[in-house]
Amino acid sequence: MPVDIQERTKAIAQFRAHDRDTGSAPVQIALLTQRINGLTGHFKTHKKDVHSRQGLLMMVSRRRRLLEYLKRHDEPSYRKVLGELNLRK
């Protein structure tokens, strides 16, 4: 299920660094988290959807790499993102 435009815009507005920021690490992590949460709901009804599961695993690993990058370069922002998105680390 695709992410709603309003939810996407809200996530970008919450994590952006400046007005036109759509690609910084916190914004990318927030958008990936939305897509991951949407797909986990999809798998409750479609247990045998192997191809989408592979895409989910790729998104999870991309989010993990972005979180590691953010932790190395900007620790306070890393803590903020973890807290607001309710991610474990």
C-alpha atoms as a PDB file:
ATOM      1  CA  MET A   1       0.000   0.000   0.000  1.00  0.00           C
ATOM      2  CA  PRO A   2       1.533   3.344  -1.023  1.00  0.00           C
ATOM      3  CA  VAL A   3       2.104   6.059   1.539  1.00  0.00           C
ATOM      4  CA  ASP A   4      -0.455   8.885   1.512  1.00  0.00           C
ATOM      5  CA  ILE A   5       0.776  12.252   0.190  1.00  0.00           C
ATOM      6  CA  GLN A   6      -0.277  14.111   3.354  1.00  0.00           C
ATOM      7  CA  GLU A   7       1.603  11.655   5.595  1.00  0.00           C
ATOM      8  CA  ARG A   8       4.659  11.979   3.406  1.00  0.00           C
ATOM      9  CA  THR A   9       4.562  15.772   3.500  1.00  0.00           C
ATOM     10  CA  LYS A  10       4.071  15.723   7.275  1.00  0.00           C
ATOM     11  CA  ALA A  11       7.139  13.486   7.749  1.00  0.00           C
ATOM     12  CA  ILE A  12       9.263  15.692   5.495  1.00  0.00           C
ATOM     13  CA  ALA A  13       8.148  18.824   7.378  1.00  0.00           C
ATOM     14  CA  GLN A  14       8.908  17.203  10.736  1.00  0.00           C
ATOM     15  CA  PHE A  15      12.477  16.107   9.932  1.00  0.00           C
ATOM     16  CA  ARG A  16      13.762  18.592   7.355  1.00  0.00           C
ATOM     17  CA  ALA A  17      16.723  20.825   8.076  1.00  0.00           C
ATOM     18  CA  HIS A  18      15.578  23.758   5.887  1.00  0.00           C
ATOM     19  CA  ASP A  19      12.656  24.726   3.623  1.00  0.00           C
ATOM     20  CA  ARG A  20      13.585  22.717   0.543  1.00  0.00           C
ATOM     21  CA  ASP A  21      15.153  19.723   2.307  1.00  0.00           C
ATOM     22  CA  THR A  22      13.794  16.421   1.003  1.00  0.00           C
ATOM     23  CA  GLY A  23      16.919  14.281   0.883  1.00  0.00           C
ATOM     24  CA  SER A  24      18.749  14.572   4.186  1.00  0.00           C
ATOM     25  CA  ALA A  25      19.312  11.410   6.209  1.00  0.00           C
ATOM     26  CA  PRO A  26      16.577  12.071   8.820  1.00  0.00           C
ATOM     27  CA  VAL A  27      13.992  12.718   6.092  1.00  0.00           C
ATOM     28  CA  GLN A  28      14.999   9.572   4.199  1.00  0.00           C
ATOM     29  CA  ILE A  29      14.815   7.515   7.399  1.00  0.00           C
ATOM     30  CA  ALA A  30      11.324   8.859   8.174  1.00  0.00           C
ATOM     31  CA  LEU A  31      10.049   8.088   4.667  1.00  0.00           C
ATOM     32  CA  LEU A  32      11.547   4.605   4.692  1.00  0.00           C
ATOM     33  CA  THR A  33       9.972   3.949   8.088  1.00  0.00           C
ATOM     34  CA  GLN A  34       6.555   4.875   6.696  1.00  0.00           C
ATOM     35  CA  ARG A  35       6.977   2.520   3.748  1.00  0.00           C
ATOM     36  CA  ILE A  36       8.258  -0.287   6.000  1.00  0.00           C
ATOM     37  CA  ASN A  37       5.291   0.095   8.358  1.00  0.00           C
ATOM     38  CA  GLY A  38       2.893  -0.035   5.412  1.00  0.00           C
ATOM     39  CA  LEU A  39       4.471  -3.196   4.062  1.00  0.00           C
ATOM     40  CA  THR A  40       4.427  -4.997   7.402  1.00  0.00           C
ATOM     41  CA  GLY A  41       0.646  -4.582   7.428  1.00  0.00           C
ATOM     42  CA  HIS A  42       0.513  -5.973   3.894  1.00  0.00           C
ATOM     43  CA  PHE A  43       2.322  -9.134   4.990  1.00  0.00           C
ATOM     44  CA  LYS A  44      -0.296  -9.928   7.628  1.00  0.00           C
ATOM     45  CA  THR A  45      -2.751 -10.746   4.832  1.00  0.00           C
ATOM     46  CA  HIS A  46      -0.328 -11.831   2.069  1.00  0.00           C
ATOM     47  CA  LYS A  47       2.012 -14.261   3.774  1.00  0.00           C
ATOM     48  CA  LYS A  48       3.454 -15.739   0.577  1.00  0.00           C
ATOM     49  CA  ASP A  49       4.405 -12.479  -1.149  1.00  0.00           C
ATOM     50  CA  VAL A  50       8.107 -13.269  -1.410  1.00  0.00           C
ATOM     51  CA  HIS A  51       9.006 -10.566  -3.927  1.00  0.00           C
ATOM     52  CA  SER A  52       7.641  -7.746  -1.774  1.00  0.00           C
ATOM     53  CA  ARG A  53       9.361  -9.264   1.247  1.00  0.00           C
ATOM     54  CA  GLN A  54      12.679  -8.954  -0.584  1.00  0.00           C
ATOM     55  CA  GLY A  55      11.921  -5.269  -1.205  1.00  0.00           C
ATOM     56  CA  LEU A  56      11.073  -4.858   2.476  1.00  0.00           C
ATOM     57  CA  LEU A  57      14.402  -6.351   3.517  1.00  0.00           C
ATOM     58  CA  MET A  58      16.219  -3.995   1.145  1.00  0.00           C
ATOM     59  CA  MET A  59      14.412  -1.007   2.663  1.00  0.00           C
ATOM     60  CA  VAL A  60      15.222  -2.150   6.200  1.00  0.00           C
ATOM     61  CA  SER A  61      18.909  -2.509   5.375  1.00  0.00           C
ATOM     62  CA  ARG A  62      18.962   0.907   3.652  1.00  0.00           C
ATOM     63  CA  ARG A  63      17.366   2.483   6.739  1.00  0.00           C
ATOM     64  CA  ARG A  64      19.917   0.724   8.974  1.00  0.00           C
ATOM     65  CA  ARG A  65      22.813   2.109   6.903  1.00  0.00           C
ATOM     66  CA  LEU A  66      21.335   5.620   7.016  1.00  0.00           C
ATOM     67  CA  LEU A  67      20.942   5.349  10.797  1.00  0.00           C
ATOM     68  CA  GLU A  68      24.577   4.265  11.142  1.00  0.00           C
ATOM     69  CA  TYR A  69      25.661   7.227   8.996  1.00  0.00           C
ATOM     70  CA  LEU A  70      23.585   9.627  11.071  1.00  0.00           C
ATOM     71  CA  LYS A  71      24.996   8.213  14.310  1.00  0.00           C
ATOM     72  CA  ARG A  72      28.571   8.753  13.088  1.00  0.00           C
ATOM     73  CA  HIS A  73      28.022  12.304  11.834  1.00  0.00           C
ATOM     74  CA  ASP A  74      25.263  13.824  13.975  1.00  0.00           C
ATOM     75  CA  GLU A  75      24.561  12.077  17.296  1.00  0.00           C
ATOM     76  CA  PRO A  76      21.844  14.496  18.577  1.00  0.00           C
ATOM     77  CA  SER A  77      19.897  14.209  15.336  1.00  0.00           C
ATOM     78  CA  TYR A  78      20.266  10.417  15.502  1.00  0.00           C
ATOM     79  CA  ARG A  79      18.767  10.363  19.021  1.00  0.00           C
ATOM     80  CA  LYS A  80      15.926  12.657  17.907  1.00  0.00           C
ATOM     81  CA  VAL A  81      15.051  10.461  14.940  1.00  0.00           C
ATOM     82  CA  LEU A  82      15.086   7.290  17.057  1.00  0.00           C
ATOM     83  CA  GLY A  83      12.842   8.883  19.667  1.00  0.00           C
ATOM     84  CA  GLU A  84      10.286  10.373  17.297  1.00  0.00           C
ATOM     85  CA  LEU A  85       9.987   7.292  15.084  1.00  0.00           C
ATOM     86  CA  ASN A  86       9.976   4.843  18.029  1.00  0.00           C
ATOM     87  CA  LEU A  87      12.860   2.807  16.615  1.00  0.00           C
ATOM     88  CA  ARG A  88      14.957   0.470  18.748  1.00  0.00           C
ATOM     89  CA  LYS A  89      18.751   0.680  18.870  1.00  0.00           C
END
